[in-house]
C-alpha atoms as a PDB file:
ATOM      1  CA  MET A   1      61.713  82.093 150.876  1.00  0.00           C
ATOM      2  CA  LEU A   2      61.113  84.517 148.086  1.00  0.00           C
ATOM      3  CA  THR A   3      57.693  85.580 146.933  1.00  0.00           C
ATOM      4  CA  LYS A   4      56.546  85.212 143.341  1.00  0.00           C
ATOM      5  CA  HIS A   5      56.992  88.945 142.840  1.00  0.00           C
ATOM      6  CA  GLN A   6      60.572  88.887 144.147  1.00  0.00           C
ATOM      7  CA  THR A   7      61.418  85.860 142.014  1.00  0.00           C
ATOM      8  CA  ALA A   8      59.962  87.513 138.921  1.00  0.00           C
ATOM      9  CA  SER A   9      61.929  90.673 139.647  1.00  0.00           C
ATOM     10  CA  ILE A  10      65.179  88.709 140.048  1.00  0.00           C
ATOM     11  CA  VAL A  11      64.547  86.840 136.792  1.00  0.00           C
ATOM     12  CA  LYS A  12      63.885  90.124 135.005  1.00  0.00           C
ATOM     13  CA  HIS A  13      67.168  91.614 136.237  1.00  0.00           C
ATOM     14  CA  LEU A  14      69.148  88.468 135.407  1.00  0.00           C
ATOM     15  CA  ARG A  15      67.772  88.504 131.862  1.00  0.00           C
ATOM     16  CA  ALA A  16      68.776  92.148 131.518  1.00  0.00           C
ATOM     17  CA  VAL A  17      72.281  91.307 132.734  1.00  0.00           C
ATOM     18  CA  ALA A  18      72.461  88.388 130.282  1.00  0.00           C
ATOM     19  CA  ASP A  19      71.475  90.693 127.406  1.00  0.00           C
ATOM     20  CA  ILE A  20      74.167  93.185 128.409  1.00  0.00           C
ATOM     21  CA  LEU A  21      76.805  90.453 128.615  1.00  0.00           C
ATOM     22  CA  GLU A  22      75.822  89.044 125.220  1.00  0.00           C
ATOM     23  CA  SER A  23      76.036  92.456 123.585  1.00  0.00           C
ATOM     24  CA  SER A  24      79.380  93.234 125.238  1.00  0.00           C
ATOM     25  CA  THR A  25      80.910  89.957 124.039  1.00  0.00           C
ATOM     26  CA  ALA A  26      79.708  90.723 120.512  1.00  0.00           C
ATOM     27  CA  VAL A  27      81.305  94.164 120.725  1.00  0.00           C
ATOM     28  CA  ALA A  28      84.501  92.682 122.168  1.00  0.00           C
ATOM     29  CA  ALA A  29      84.705  90.177 119.327  1.00  0.00           C
ATOM     30  CA  GLY A  30      84.360  93.011 116.829  1.00  0.00           C
ATOM     31  CA  SER A  31      86.938  95.176 118.566  1.00  0.00           C
ATOM     32  CA  GLN A  32      89.414  92.308 118.693  1.00  0.00           C
ATOM     33  CA  SER A  33      89.586  92.203 114.919  1.00  0.00           C
ATOM     34  CA  ASN A  34      90.124  95.981 114.885  1.00  0.00           C
ATOM     35  CA  GLU A  35      93.074  95.609 117.267  1.00  0.00           C
ATOM     36  CA  VAL A  36      94.673  93.088 114.942  1.00  0.00           C
ATOM     37  CA  LYS A  37      94.290  95.506 112.046  1.00  0.00           C
ATOM     38  CA  SER A  38      95.790  98.401 113.983  1.00  0.00           C
ATOM     39  CA  LYS A  39      98.885  96.377 114.898  1.00  0.00           C
ATOM     40  CA  ARG A  40      99.732  95.884 111.241  1.00  0.00           C
ATOM     41  CA  GLY A  41     100.328  99.577 110.557  1.00  0.00           C
ATOM     42  CA  ARG A  42     102.087 102.343 112.424  1.00  0.00           C
ATOM     43  CA  LYS A  43     101.311 102.815 116.079  1.00  0.00           C
ATOM     44  CA  PRO A  44      98.780 105.557 116.890  1.00  0.00           C
ATOM     45  CA  GLY A  45     100.572 108.868 117.288  1.00  0.00           C
ATOM     46  CA  ALA A  46     103.665 107.809 115.361  1.00  0.00           C
ATOM     47  CA  VAL A  47     105.248 110.400 113.105  1.00  0.00           C
ATOM     48  CA  ASP A  48     105.701 109.784 109.371  1.00  0.00           C
ATOM     49  CA  ALA A  49     109.223 108.866 108.251  1.00  0.00           C
ATOM     50  CA  GLU A  50     109.812 112.157 106.432  1.00  0.00           C
ATOM     51  CA  HIS A  51     108.856 114.116 109.573  1.00  0.00           C
ATOM     52  CA  ARG A  52     110.441 111.844 112.170  1.00  0.00           C
ATOM     53  CA  CYS A  53     113.715 113.745 112.668  1.00  0.00           C
ATOM     54  CA  LYS A  54     114.425 117.459 112.559  1.00  0.00           C
ATOM     55  CA  GLY A  55     117.447 119.733 112.499  1.00  0.00           C
ATOM     56  CA  VAL A  56     120.315 117.871 110.869  1.00  0.00           C
ATOM     57  CA  SER A  57     123.444 118.933 112.723  1.00  0.00           C
ATOM     58  CA  GLY A  58     127.051 117.732 112.989  1.00  0.00           C
ATOM     59  CA  THR A  59     126.115 115.207 115.675  1.00  0.00           C
ATOM     60  CA  GLY A  60     122.944 113.797 114.161  1.00  0.00           C
ATOM     61  CA  ASP A  61     119.238 114.313 113.714  1.00  0.00           C
ATOM     62  CA  GLN A  62     116.991 115.168 116.616  1.00  0.00           C
ATOM     63  CA  CYS A  63     114.249 112.567 116.682  1.00  0.00           C
ATOM     64  CA  LYS A  64     110.588 113.643 116.866  1.00  0.00           C
ATOM     65  CA  ASN A  65     109.323 110.129 117.478  1.00  0.00           C
ATOM     66  CA  ARG A  66     107.024 110.087 120.511  1.00  0.00           C
ATOM     67  CA  ALA A  67     109.144 107.446 122.287  1.00  0.00           C
ATOM     68  CA  THR A  68     112.441 109.332 121.885  1.00  0.00           C
ATOM     69  CA  GLN A  69     111.247 112.912 121.565  1.00  0.00           C
ATOM     70  CA  GLY A  70     113.942 115.474 122.271  1.00  0.00           C
ATOM     71  CA  THR A  71     116.792 112.944 122.098  1.00  0.00           C
ATOM     72  CA  TYR A  72     119.125 111.827 119.354  1.00  0.00           C
ATOM     73  CA  CYS A  73     118.022 108.687 117.605  1.00  0.00           C
ATOM     74  CA  GLY A  74     120.624 106.080 116.646  1.00  0.00           C
ATOM     75  CA  LYS A  75     118.879 105.352 113.357  1.00  0.00           C
ATOM     76  CA  HIS A  76     118.910 108.969 112.252  1.00  0.00           C
ATOM     77  CA  THR A  77     122.427 110.123 113.067  1.00  0.00           C
ATOM     78  CA  THR A  78     124.732 111.292 110.309  1.00  0.00           C
ATOM     79  CA  ALA A  79     127.583 109.167 108.932  1.00  0.00           C
ATOM     80  CA  THR A  80     130.200 111.577 110.329  1.00  0.00           C
ATOM     81  CA  ASP A  81     129.671 110.363 113.905  1.00  0.00           C
END
């Protein structure tokens, strides 16, 4: 059996946990709408179109996109290939 003091202490901690959970769900609901907004634009860290490829050569443009950095991108090769 628990004493009145122990029960009161447990109730106090459970209320504190409930407050934390309520505030975290409110924050999560707010961040969910931000994630939807961020998916509509460019991905974080993506390079602008005018800066995406560098060094036009006979074989194509070297892509500066973060996913294909240092390789030749199929979208940005020259028509002579």
